[in-house]
Amino acid sequence: MERVQPANSRHPLPREGGREEGRPVSSTTRGRVDGEAAFVLHTYPFRETSLIVEAFSRDHGRVALVARGARRPRSAMRGLLMAFQPLELSWFGHGEMRTLAKVEWVGGQPLLRAQALILGYYMNELLLKLMPRDDAHPALFQAYAEAVHALAIGEDSQASLRRFEKTLLKELGYGLTLDREAGSDRPIAPQKRYAYIVERGPVPSSESEHETESFTGRALLAMAQDDFSETETLVQAKQLMRTLIHHYLGGQRLSSRRVFMELQEL
């Protein structure tokens, strides 16, 4: 998997050394956070012995942390900073880059493997590319945690993935209109077919000048209620989310999607 270039990734890298790992810091003077529920999204080396950790936390959103000495063989953090595992993180500092002070393993969840691992990386890439740092989204954190859990225990993950994508768009301000027609504000009719105009909403298929795909009113109404129990809804939700996410990525490519498609061809 190639290195992900996260949104808002430009920052001055901190110097190696400095305050010792785990040393108590005043919460009022150094902005300390303790025991925050979080997942690791991505890590990459920093200097000789440390890591930059991109984490998704419940109450602080996406944060960038320096894990000093985490690459040393005897580091207490070395084996804990794993993606897709529930963790509790403590950190201190101000600015865009903080210092990771402590990692606690919450555990109790199997590791992602095979296709589930690729789908997990897909979710992580979306968060890194679309979600700005230091913007809390508890509802999105919950949707992400539920999707990761479904992948980990081998459940049918499609419904959880679609809920995660839908929540991601809503939390970032791209909320979907699924139960009323764009322009006329008429209720969606279950028996009709609709085209979905990005940043507008559904319109009857006959009114779309550039229609490339259409959706049943019944599926749109089910998506609005987060009801993915029908195969038709799952198939059309995947189609719609792919179109919308491609638009909001603005040309950024997803490495995980390319890898998944290559594996499908084997």
Foldseek 3Di string as FASTA:
>chain_A
DDDADFPPNDDDDDDADDDDAQDDDDCVPWVKDWFWKKFWLDWDDDPDAKIWTFIQTAFFGTAIEIEHRLRPPPDPCVPPNDGLFIKTWIWTHDDRYTYTRDIGGPDPFADADDPLVLVLNQLSSLSRHQPDGRDHDNVLVVLNNVLSRCRRVVHPNLLSSLVNLQSVCVSSPQHADQQAAFPVRHGQDQAFKWAADRPTGTDGPVPDPDGDDIAGSVLSVCVVVSNPPDPSNSVVSVVVSVVRSCVSSPPDDRPSVVVVVVVVVD
